[in-house]
Amino acid sequence: ERVSDRGVDPAQSGMFGAKGSGDTSGYGGLVRRQALPGEAQAPYGG
């Protein structure tokens, strides 16, 4: 589990990552970064 070539969904702010509308959830200051799992290499097993 690492930052993959597909990148990271950067700086998601707020509870749901929505933009352009008032965040009324109370989580407006929340900032999250999510590392996507990296690409696997053969053989994969079984």
All heavy atoms as atom14 arrays in JSON, in Angstrom:
{
  "sequence": "ERVSDRGVDPAQSGMFGAKGSGDTSGYGGLVRRQALPGEAQAPYGG",
  "atom14_mask": [
    [1, 1, 1, 1, 1, 1, 1, 1, 1, 0, 0, 0, 0, 0],
    [1, 1, 1, 1, 1, 1, 1, 1, 1, 1, 1, 0, 0, 0],
    [1, 1, 1, 1, 1, 1, 1, 0, 0, 0, 0, 0, 0, 0],
    [1, 1, 1, 1, 1, 1, 0, 0, 0, 0, 0, 0, 0, 0],
    [1, 1, 1, 1, 1, 1, 1, 1, 0, 0, 0, 0, 0, 0],
    [1, 1, 1, 1, 1, 1, 1, 1, 1, 1, 1, 0, 0, 0],
    [1, 1, 1, 1, 0, 0, 0, 0, 0, 0, 0, 0, 0, 0],
    [1, 1, 1, 1, 1, 1, 1, 0, 0, 0, 0, 0, 0, 0],
    [1, 1, 1, 1, 1, 1, 1, 1, 0, 0, 0, 0, 0, 0],
    [1, 1, 1, 1, 1, 1, 1, 0, 0, 0, 0, 0, 0, 0],
    [1, 1, 1, 1, 1, 0, 0, 0, 0, 0, 0, 0, 0, 0],
    [1, 1, 1, 1, 1, 1, 1, 1, 1, 0, 0, 0, 0, 0],
    [1, 1, 1, 1, 1, 1, 0, 0, 0, 0, 0, 0, 0, 0],
    [1, 1, 1, 1, 0, 0, 0, 0, 0, 0, 0, 0, 0, 0],
    [1, 1, 1, 1, 1, 1, 1, 1, 0, 0, 0, 0, 0, 0],
    [1, 1, 1, 1, 1, 1, 1, 1, 1, 1, 1, 0, 0, 0],
    [1, 1, 1, 1, 0, 0, 0, 0, 0, 0, 0, 0, 0, 0],
    [1, 1, 1, 1, 1, 0, 0, 0, 0, 0, 0, 0, 0, 0],
    [1, 1, 1, 1, 1, 1, 1, 1, 1, 0, 0, 0, 0, 0],
    [1, 1, 1, 1, 0, 0, 0, 0, 0, 0, 0, 0, 0, 0],
    [1, 1, 1, 1, 1, 1, 0, 0, 0, 0, 0, 0, 0, 0],
    [1, 1, 1, 1, 0, 0, 0, 0, 0, 0, 0, 0, 0, 0],
    [1, 1, 1, 1, 1, 1, 1, 1, 0, 0, 0, 0, 0, 0],
    [1, 1, 1, 1, 1, 1, 1, 0, 0, 0, 0, 0, 0, 0],
    [1, 1, 1, 1, 1, 1, 0, 0, 0, 0, 0, 0, 0, 0],
    [1, 1, 1, 1, 0, 0, 0, 0, 0, 0, 0, 0, 0, 0],
    [1, 1, 1, 1, 1, 1, 1, 1, 1, 1, 1, 1, 0, 0],
    [1, 1, 1, 1, 0, 0, 0, 0, 0, 0, 0, 0, 0, 0],
    [1, 1, 1, 1, 0, 0, 0, 0, 0, 0, 0, 0, 0, 0],
    [1, 1, 1, 1, 1, 1, 1, 1, 0, 0, 0, 0, 0, 0],
    [1, 1, 1, 1, 1, 1, 1, 0, 0, 0, 0, 0, 0, 0],
    [1, 1, 1, 1, 1, 1, 1, 1, 1, 1, 1, 0, 0, 0],
    [1, 1, 1, 1, 1, 1, 1, 1, 1, 1, 1, 0, 0, 0],
    [1, 1, 1, 1, 1, 1, 1, 1, 1, 0, 0, 0, 0, 0],
    [1, 1, 1, 1, 1, 0, 0, 0, 0, 0, 0, 0, 0, 0],
    [1, 1, 1, 1, 1, 1, 1, 1, 0, 0, 0, 0, 0, 0],
    [1, 1, 1, 1, 1, 1, 1, 0, 0, 0, 0, 0, 0, 0],
    [1, 1, 1, 1, 0, 0, 0, 0, 0, 0, 0, 0, 0, 0],
    [1, 1, 1, 1, 1, 1, 1, 1, 1, 0, 0, 0, 0, 0],
    [1, 1, 1, 1, 1, 0, 0, 0, 0, 0, 0, 0, 0, 0],
    [1, 1, 1, 1, 1, 1, 1, 1, 1, 0, 0, 0, 0, 0],
    [1, 1, 1, 1, 1, 0, 0, 0, 0, 0, 0, 0, 0, 0],
    [1, 1, 1, 1, 1, 1, 1, 0, 0, 0, 0, 0, 0, 0],
    [1, 1, 1, 1, 1, 1, 1, 1, 1, 1, 1, 1, 0, 0],
    [1, 1, 1, 1, 0, 0, 0, 0, 0, 0, 0, 0, 0, 0],
    [1, 1, 1, 1, 0, 0, 0, 0, 0, 0, 0, 0, 0, 0]
  ],
  "atom14_positions": [
    [[0.86, -1.17, 0.0], [0.0, 0.0, 0.0], [0.9, 1.23, 0.0], [1.6, 1.51, 0.95], [-0.92, 0.0, 1.22], [-1.94, 1.12, 1.18], [-2.98, 0.98, 2.25], [-3.13, -0.14, 2.75], [-3.62, 1.97, 2.58], [0.0, 0.0, 0.0], [0.0, 0.0, 0.0], [0.0, 0.0, 0.0], [0.0, 0.0, 0.0], [0.0, 0.0, 0.0]],
    [[0.91, 1.93, -1.09], [1.8, 3.06, -1.25], [1.18, 4.03, -2.23], [0.15, 3.77, -2.83], [3.17, 2.61, -1.76], [3.1, 1.92, -3.13], [4.45, 1.35, -3.52], [4.44, 0.77, -4.84], [4.01, -0.44, -5.12], [3.55, -1.22, -4.16], [4.04, -0.91, -6.35], [0.0, 0.0, 0.0], [0.0, 0.0, 0.0], [0.0, 0.0, 0.0]],
    [[1.85, 5.16, -2.44], [1.39, 6.1, -3.44], [1.68, 5.5, -4.81], [2.82, 5.24, -5.16], [2.1, 7.46, -3.29], [1.65, 8.41, -4.37], [1.82, 8.05, -1.92], [0.0, 0.0, 0.0], [0.0, 0.0, 0.0], [0.0, 0.0, 0.0], [0.0, 0.0, 0.0], [0.0, 0.0, 0.0], [0.0, 0.0, 0.0], [0.0, 0.0, 0.0]],
    [[0.65, 5.23, -5.6], [0.8, 4.54, -6.87], [0.99, 5.53, -7.99], [0.92, 6.74, -7.83], [-0.43, 3.67, -7.15], [-1.52, 4.5, -7.46], [0.0, 0.0, 0.0], [0.0, 0.0, 0.0], [0.0, 0.0, 0.0], [0.0, 0.0, 0.0], [0.0, 0.0, 0.0], [0.0, 0.0, 0.0], [0.0, 0.0, 0.0], [0.0, 0.0, 0.0]],
    [[1.24, 4.99, -9.2], [1.38, 5.83, -10.39], [0.09, 6.59, -10.67], [0.12, 7.61, -11.35], [1.75, 4.97, -11.6], [3.14, 4.36, -11.46], [3.93, 4.93, -10.68], [3.41, 3.34, -12.11], [0.0, 0.0, 0.0], [0.0, 0.0, 0.0], [0.0, 0.0, 0.0], [0.0, 0.0, 0.0], [0.0, 0.0, 0.0], [0.0, 0.0, 0.0]],
    [[-1.04, 6.08, -10.2], [-2.31, 6.75, -10.41], [-2.47, 7.91, -9.44], [-3.43, 8.67, -9.52], [-3.47, 5.76, -10.23], [-3.5, 4.67, -11.29], [-4.54, 3.65, -10.98], [-5.84, 4.27, -10.81], [-6.75, 3.83, -9.96], [-6.5, 2.81, -9.19], [-7.92, 4.43, -9.87], [0.0, 0.0, 0.0], [0.0, 0.0, 0.0], [0.0, 0.0, 0.0]],
    [[-1.51, 8.05, -8.52], [-1.46, 9.23, -7.69], [-2.31, 9.14, -6.44], [-2.83, 8.1, -6.07], [0.0, 0.0, 0.0], [0.0, 0.0, 0.0], [0.0, 0.0, 0.0], [0.0, 0.0, 0.0], [0.0, 0.0, 0.0], [0.0, 0.0, 0.0], [0.0, 0.0, 0.0], [0.0, 0.0, 0.0], [0.0, 0.0, 0.0], [0.0, 0.0, 0.0]],
    [[-2.43, 10.28, -5.79], [-3.19, 10.4, -4.56], [-4.33, 11.38, -4.8], [-4.17, 12.36, -5.51], [-2.28, 10.92, -3.43], [-3.09, 11.22, -2.18], [-1.19, 9.92, -3.13], [0.0, 0.0, 0.0], [0.0, 0.0, 0.0], [0.0, 0.0, 0.0], [0.0, 0.0, 0.0], [0.0, 0.0, 0.0], [0.0, 0.0, 0.0], [0.0, 0.0, 0.0]],
    [[-5.48, 11.08, -4.26], [-6.59, 12.02, -4.32], [-6.19, 13.18, -3.4], [-6.29, 13.05, -2.19], [-7.86, 11.35, -3.84], [-9.1, 12.1, -4.29], [-8.97, 13.11, -4.99], [-10.19, 11.66, -3.92], [0.0, 0.0, 0.0], [0.0, 0.0, 0.0], [0.0, 0.0, 0.0], [0.0, 0.0, 0.0], [0.0, 0.0, 0.0], [0.0, 0.0, 0.0]],
    [[-5.68, 14.28, -3.92], [-4.97, 15.24, -3.08], [-5.89, 16.1, -2.25], [-6.93, 16.55, -2.71], [-4.2, 16.08, -4.1], [-5.05, 16.03, -5.32], [-5.73, 14.69, -5.32], [0.0, 0.0, 0.0], [0.0, 0.0, 0.0], [0.0, 0.0, 0.0], [0.0, 0.0, 0.0], [0.0, 0.0, 0.0], [0.0, 0.0, 0.0], [0.0, 0.0, 0.0]],
    [[-5.5, 16.34, -1.03], [-6.08, 17.36, -0.16], [-7.6, 17.41, -0.24], [-8.17, 18.42, -0.61], [-5.49, 18.72, -0.5], [0.0, 0.0, 0.0], [0.0, 0.0, 0.0], [0.0, 0.0, 0.0], [0.0, 0.0, 0.0], [0.0, 0.0, 0.0], [0.0, 0.0, 0.0], [0.0, 0.0, 0.0], [0.0, 0.0, 0.0], [0.0, 0.0, 0.0]],
    [[-8.24, 16.3, 0.08], [-9.7, 16.32, 0.18], [-10.08, 17.11, 1.42], [-9.77, 16.73, 2.53], [-10.25, 14.9, 0.3], [-10.45, 14.21, -1.02], [-11.31, 12.97, -0.87], [-11.77, 12.63, 0.21], [-11.53, 12.26, -1.96], [0.0, 0.0, 0.0], [0.0, 0.0, 0.0], [0.0, 0.0, 0.0], [0.0, 0.0, 0.0], [0.0, 0.0, 0.0]],
    [[-10.76, 18.22, 1.22], [-11.17, 19.03, 2.35], [-12.67, 18.88, 2.57], [-13.42, 18.71, 1.62], [-10.83, 20.51, 2.1], [-11.49, 20.98, 0.94], [0.0, 0.0, 0.0], [0.0, 0.0, 0.0], [0.0, 0.0, 0.0], [0.0, 0.0, 0.0], [0.0, 0.0, 0.0], [0.0, 0.0, 0.0], [0.0, 0.0, 0.0], [0.0, 0.0, 0.0]],
    [[-13.06, 18.92, 3.82], [-14.46, 18.69, 4.15], [-14.75, 17.21, 4.26], [-13.91, 16.36, 4.03], [0.0, 0.0, 0.0], [0.0, 0.0, 0.0], [0.0, 0.0, 0.0], [0.0, 0.0, 0.0], [0.0, 0.0, 0.0], [0.0, 0.0, 0.0], [0.0, 0.0, 0.0], [0.0, 0.0, 0.0], [0.0, 0.0, 0.0], [0.0, 0.0, 0.0]],
    [[-15.97, 16.9, 4.61], [-16.34, 15.52, 4.88], [-16.4, 14.68, 3.61], [-16.0, 13.53, 3.6], [-17.71, 15.49, 5.58], [-18.13, 14.11, 6.05], [-17.01, 13.48, 7.31], [-17.85, 11.99, 7.79], [0.0, 0.0, 0.0], [0.0, 0.0, 0.0], [0.0, 0.0, 0.0], [0.0, 0.0, 0.0], [0.0, 0.0, 0.0], [0.0, 0.0, 0.0]],
    [[-16.88, 15.28, 2.51], [-17.14, 14.49, 1.32], [-16.3, 14.9, 0.12], [-16.42, 14.33, -0.95], [-18.63, 14.58, 0.94], [-19.54, 14.21, 2.06], [-20.25, 15.17, 2.75], [-19.67, 12.88, 2.45], [-21.09, 14.83, 3.8], [-20.51, 12.54, 3.5], [-21.22, 13.51, 4.18], [0.0, 0.0, 0.0], [0.0, 0.0, 0.0], [0.0, 0.0, 0.0]],
    [[-15.47, 15.92, 0.24], [-14.67, 16.37, -0.88], [-15.43, 17.22, -1.87], [-14.91, 17.55, -2.93], [0.0, 0.0, 0.0], [0.0, 0.0, 0.0], [0.0, 0.0, 0.0], [0.0, 0.0, 0.0], [0.0, 0.0, 0.0], [0.0, 0.0, 0.0], [0.0, 0.0, 0.0], [0.0, 0.0, 0.0], [0.0, 0.0, 0.0], [0.0, 0.0, 0.0]],
    [[-16.67, 17.58, -1.57], [-17.46, 18.4, -2.48], [-16.96, 19.84, -2.46], [-16.45, 20.33, -1.47], [-18.94, 18.36, -2.08], [0.0, 0.0, 0.0], [0.0, 0.0, 0.0], [0.0, 0.0, 0.0], [0.0, 0.0, 0.0], [0.0, 0.0, 0.0], [0.0, 0.0, 0.0], [0.0, 0.0, 0.0], [0.0, 0.0, 0.0], [0.0, 0.0, 0.0]],
    [[-17.09, 20.5, -3.61], [-16.65, 21.89, -3.73], [-17.8, 22.72, -4.3], [-18.68, 22.21, -4.96], [-15.43, 21.98, -4.64], [-14.22, 21.2, -4.14], [-13.06, 21.29, -5.13], [-11.88, 20.47, -4.64], [-10.76, 20.51, -5.61], [0.0, 0.0, 0.0], [0.0, 0.0, 0.0], [0.0, 0.0, 0.0], [0.0, 0.0, 0.0], [0.0, 0.0, 0.0]],
    [[-17.72, 24.03, -4.03], [-18.68, 24.94, -4.64], [-19.98, 25.09, -3.89], [-20.89, 25.76, -4.34], [0.0, 0.0, 0.0], [0.0, 0.0, 0.0], [0.0, 0.0, 0.0], [0.0, 0.0, 0.0], [0.0, 0.0, 0.0], [0.0, 0.0, 0.0], [0.0, 0.0, 0.0], [0.0, 0.0, 0.0], [0.0, 0.0, 0.0], [0.0, 0.0, 0.0]],
    [[-20.11, 24.43, -2.74], [-21.32, 24.58, -1.94], [-20.93, 24.61, -0.47], [-19.92, 24.03, -0.07], [-22.32, 23.46, -2.21], [-21.72, 22.21, -1.99], [0.0, 0.0, 0.0], [0.0, 0.0, 0.0], [0.0, 0.0, 0.0], [0.0, 0.0, 0.0], [0.0, 0.0, 0.0], [0.0, 0.0, 0.0], [0.0, 0.0, 0.0], [0.0, 0.0, 0.0]],
    [[-21.73, 25.3, 0.34], [-21.4, 25.44, 1.75], [-21.35, 24.1, 2.45], [-22.28, 23.3, 2.36], [0.0, 0.0, 0.0], [0.0, 0.0, 0.0], [0.0, 0.0, 0.0], [0.0, 0.0, 0.0], [0.0, 0.0, 0.0], [0.0, 0.0, 0.0], [0.0, 0.0, 0.0], [0.0, 0.0, 0.0], [0.0, 0.0, 0.0], [0.0, 0.0, 0.0]],
    [[-20.26, 23.82, 3.17], [-20.14, 22.58, 3.92], [-20.79, 22.78, 5.29], [-20.28, 23.5, 6.13], [-18.66, 22.21, 4.08], [-18.47, 20.88, 4.79], [-19.46, 20.31, 5.27], [-17.32, 20.4, 4.84], [0.0, 0.0, 0.0], [0.0, 0.0, 0.0], [0.0, 0.0, 0.0], [0.0, 0.0, 0.0], [0.0, 0.0, 0.0], [0.0, 0.0, 0.0]],
    [[-21.94, 22.18, 5.47], [-22.67, 22.35, 6.72], [-22.54, 21.12, 7.64], [-23.27, 20.98, 8.6], [-24.17, 22.59, 6.44], [-24.7, 21.44, 5.76], [-24.36, 23.82, 5.57], [0.0, 0.0, 0.0], [0.0, 0.0, 0.0], [0.0, 0.0, 0.0], [0.0, 0.0, 0.0], [0.0, 0.0, 0.0], [0.0, 0.0, 0.0], [0.0, 0.0, 0.0]],
    [[-21.62, 20.24, 7.32], [-21.48, 19.02, 8.11], [-20.72, 19.25, 9.4], [-20.74, 18.41, 10.29], [-20.75, 17.95, 7.28], [-19.41, 18.35, 7.01], [0.0, 0.0, 0.0], [0.0, 0.0, 0.0], [0.0, 0.0, 0.0], [0.0, 0.0, 0.0], [0.0, 0.0, 0.0], [0.0, 0.0, 0.0], [0.0, 0.0, 0.0], [0.0, 0.0, 0.0]],
    [[-20.01, 20.38, 9.49], [-19.16, 20.6, 10.66], [-17.76, 20.06, 10.46], [-16.91, 20.18, 11.34], [0.0, 0.0, 0.0], [0.0, 0.0, 0.0], [0.0, 0.0, 0.0], [0.0, 0.0, 0.0], [0.0, 0.0, 0.0], [0.0, 0.0, 0.0], [0.0, 0.0, 0.0], [0.0, 0.0, 0.0], [0.0, 0.0, 0.0], [0.0, 0.0, 0.0]],
    [[-17.49, 19.46, 9.3], [-16.18, 18.89, 9.02], [-15.44, 19.72, 7.97], [-14.6, 19.21, 7.24], [-16.31, 17.45, 8.53], [-16.74, 16.48, 9.59], [-18.08, 16.25, 9.84], [-15.81, 15.8, 10.36], [-18.49, 15.36, 10.82], [-16.2, 14.91, 11.34], [-17.54, 14.69, 11.56], [-17.94, 13.81, 12.53], [0.0, 0.0, 0.0], [0.0, 0.0, 0.0]],
    [[-15.77, 21.0, 7.85], [-15.17, 21.83, 6.82], [-13.67, 21.94, 6.92], [-12.98, 22.15, 5.92], [0.0, 0.0, 0.0], [0.0, 0.0, 0.0], [0.0, 0.0, 0.0], [0.0, 0.0, 0.0], [0.0, 0.0, 0.0], [0.0, 0.0, 0.0], [0.0, 0.0, 0.0], [0.0, 0.0, 0.0], [0.0, 0.0, 0.0], [0.0, 0.0, 0.0]],
    [[-13.11, 21.8, 8.11], [-11.67, 21.9, 8.28], [-10.93, 20.59, 8.12], [-9.7, 20.54, 8.22], [0.0, 0.0, 0.0], [0.0, 0.0, 0.0], [0.0, 0.0, 0.0], [0.0, 0.0, 0.0], [0.0, 0.0, 0.0], [0.0, 0.0, 0.0], [0.0, 0.0, 0.0], [0.0, 0.0, 0.0], [0.0, 0.0, 0.0], [0.0, 0.0, 0.0]],
    [[-11.64, 19.5, 7.87], [-11.01, 18.2, 7.74], [-10.24, 18.09, 6.42], [-10.77, 18.41, 5.36], [-12.07, 17.1, 7.8], [-11.58, 15.65, 7.67], [-10.74, 15.27, 8.87], [-12.76, 14.7, 7.54], [0.0, 0.0, 0.0], [0.0, 0.0, 0.0], [0.0, 0.0, 0.0], [0.0, 0.0, 0.0], [0.0, 0.0, 0.0], [0.0, 0.0, 0.0]],
    [[-9.0, 17.66, 6.47], [-8.19, 17.45, 5.27], [-7.66, 16.03, 5.3], [-7.05, 15.6, 6.29], [-7.01, 18.45, 5.19], [-6.14, 18.16, 3.98], [-7.53, 19.87, 5.14], [0.0, 0.0, 0.0], [0.0, 0.0, 0.0], [0.0, 0.0, 0.0], [0.0, 0.0, 0.0], [0.0, 0.0, 0.0], [0.0, 0.0, 0.0], [0.0, 0.0, 0.0]],
    [[-7.9, 15.3, 4.23], [-7.5, 13.9, 4.18], [-6.69, 13.63, 2.92], [-6.96, 14.18, 1.86], [-8.71, 12.97, 4.19], [-9.52, 13.01, 5.47], [-10.71, 12.07, 5.37], [-11.6, 12.46, 4.28], [-12.22, 11.61, 3.47], [-12.01, 10.31, 3.6], [-13.03, 12.03, 2.52], [0.0, 0.0, 0.0], [0.0, 0.0, 0.0], [0.0, 0.0, 0.0]],
    [[-5.72, 12.76, 3.02], [-4.97, 12.27, 1.85], [-5.07, 10.75, 1.85], [-4.93, 10.11, 2.89], [-3.51, 12.7, 1.9], [-3.33, 14.2, 1.84], [-1.85, 14.59, 1.86], [-1.2, 14.19, 0.61], [-1.17, 14.94, -0.49], [-1.77, 16.12, -0.49], [-0.55, 14.53, -1.57], [0.0, 0.0, 0.0], [0.0, 0.0, 0.0], [0.0, 0.0, 0.0]],
    [[-5.32, 10.18, 0.7], [-5.53, 8.73, 0.6], [-4.55, 8.14, -0.4], [-4.59, 8.46, -1.58], [-6.96, 8.42, 0.16], [-7.25, 6.94, 0.05], [-8.66, 6.67, -0.4], [-9.4, 7.58, -0.71], [-9.04, 5.41, -0.44], [0.0, 0.0, 0.0], [0.0, 0.0, 0.0], [0.0, 0.0, 0.0], [0.0, 0.0, 0.0], [0.0, 0.0, 0.0]],
    [[-3.66, 7.29, 0.07], [-2.72, 6.6, -0.81], [-3.41, 5.4, -1.43], [-4.01, 4.57, -0.74], [-1.49, 6.16, -0.02], [0.0, 0.0, 0.0], [0.0, 0.0, 0.0], [0.0, 0.0, 0.0], [0.0, 0.0, 0.0], [0.0, 0.0, 0.0], [0.0, 0.0, 0.0], [0.0, 0.0, 0.0], [0.0, 0.0, 0.0], [0.0, 0.0, 0.0]],
    [[-3.35, 5.3, -2.75], [-3.96, 4.17, -3.44], [-2.98, 3.0, -3.46], [-1.77, 3.2, -3.5], [-4.32, 4.57, -4.88], [-5.32, 5.73, -5.0], [-5.53, 6.07, -6.46], [-6.64, 5.38, -4.34], [0.0, 0.0, 0.0], [0.0, 0.0, 0.0], [0.0, 0.0, 0.0], [0.0, 0.0, 0.0], [0.0, 0.0, 0.0], [0.0, 0.0, 0.0]],
    [[-3.47, 1.76, -3.43], [-2.56, 0.61, -3.51], [-1.82, 0.6, -4.84], [-2.37, 0.96, -5.87], [-3.49, -0.6, -3.36], [-4.84, -0.09, -3.74], [-4.88, 1.36, -3.34], [0.0, 0.0, 0.0], [0.0, 0.0, 0.0], [0.0, 0.0, 0.0], [0.0, 0.0, 0.0], [0.0, 0.0, 0.0], [0.0, 0.0, 0.0], [0.0, 0.0, 0.0]],
    [[-0.56, 0.19, -4.8], [0.26, 0.19, -6.0], [-0.04, -0.98, -6.93], [-0.75, -1.93, -6.58], [0.0, 0.0, 0.0], [0.0, 0.0, 0.0], [0.0, 0.0, 0.0], [0.0, 0.0, 0.0], [0.0, 0.0, 0.0], [0.0, 0.0, 0.0], [0.0, 0.0, 0.0], [0.0, 0.0, 0.0], [0.0, 0.0, 0.0], [0.0, 0.0, 0.0]],
    [[0.52, -0.9, -8.12], [0.31, -1.94, -9.12], [1.06, -3.21, -8.73], [2.21, -3.16, -8.29], [0.79, -1.44, -10.48], [0.61, -2.44, -11.6], [1.06, -1.9, -12.95], [1.29, -0.68, -13.04], [1.18, -2.7, -13.9], [0.0, 0.0, 0.0], [0.0, 0.0, 0.0], [0.0, 0.0, 0.0], [0.0, 0.0, 0.0], [0.0, 0.0, 0.0]],
    [[0.4, -4.36, -8.88], [1.02, -5.64, -8.57], [1.79, -6.16, -9.78], [1.49, -5.82, -10.92], [-0.06, -6.66, -8.16], [0.0, 0.0, 0.0], [0.0, 0.0, 0.0], [0.0, 0.0, 0.0], [0.0, 0.0, 0.0], [0.0, 0.0, 0.0], [0.0, 0.0, 0.0], [0.0, 0.0, 0.0], [0.0, 0.0, 0.0], [0.0, 0.0, 0.0]],
    [[2.79, -6.99, -9.52], [3.61, -7.57, -10.57], [3.44, -9.08, -10.58], [3.36, -9.72, -9.52], [5.1, -7.22, -10.35], [5.38, -5.72, -10.3], [5.04, -5.01, -11.59], [5.23, -5.57, -12.69], [4.54, -3.79, -11.5], [0.0, 0.0, 0.0], [0.0, 0.0, 0.0], [0.0, 0.0, 0.0], [0.0, 0.0, 0.0], [0.0, 0.0, 0.0]],
    [[3.37, -9.66, -11.77], [3.25, -11.13, -11.89], [4.55, -11.78, -11.43], [5.62, -11.19, -11.54], [2.95, -11.49, -13.33], [0.0, 0.0, 0.0], [0.0, 0.0, 0.0], [0.0, 0.0, 0.0], [0.0, 0.0, 0.0], [0.0, 0.0, 0.0], [0.0, 0.0, 0.0], [0.0, 0.0, 0.0], [0.0, 0.0, 0.0], [0.0, 0.0, 0.0]],
    [[4.48, -13.03, -10.91], [3.27, -13.84, -10.7], [2.47, -13.35, -9.49], [3.04, -12.92, -8.5], [3.82, -15.24, -10.47], [5.19, -15.01, -9.89], [5.71, -13.75, -10.53], [0.0, 0.0, 0.0], [0.0, 0.0, 0.0], [0.0, 0.0, 0.0], [0.0, 0.0, 0.0], [0.0, 0.0, 0.0], [0.0, 0.0, 0.0], [0.0, 0.0, 0.0]],
    [[1.15, -13.47, -9.62], [0.27, -12.97, -8.57], [-0.05, -14.03, -7.53], [-0.43, -13.72, -6.41], [-1.03, -12.46, -9.19], [-0.8, -11.5, -10.33], [-1.22, -11.81, -11.63], [-0.16, -10.29, -10.12], [-1.0, -10.92, -12.67], [0.06, -9.4, -11.15], [-0.36, -9.72, -12.43], [-0.13, -8.85, -13.46], [0.0, 0.0, 0.0], [0.0, 0.0, 0.0]],
    [[0.07, -15.31, -7.92], [-0.18, -16.4, -6.99], [-1.49, -17.11, -7.25], [-2.51, -16.46, -7.48], [0.0, 0.0, 0.0], [0.0, 0.0, 0.0], [0.0, 0.0, 0.0], [0.0, 0.0, 0.0], [0.0, 0.0, 0.0], [0.0, 0.0, 0.0], [0.0, 0.0, 0.0], [0.0, 0.0, 0.0], [0.0, 0.0, 0.0], [0.0, 0.0, 0.0]],
    [[-1.46, -18.45, -7.22], [-2.67, -19.26, -7.32], [-3.47, -19.01, -8.58], [-2.93, -18.78, -9.66], [0.0, 0.0, 0.0], [0.0, 0.0, 0.0], [0.0, 0.0, 0.0], [0.0, 0.0, 0.0], [0.0, 0.0, 0.0], [0.0, 0.0, 0.0], [0.0, 0.0, 0.0], [0.0, 0.0, 0.0], [0.0, 0.0, 0.0], [0.0, 0.0, 0.0]]
  ]
}
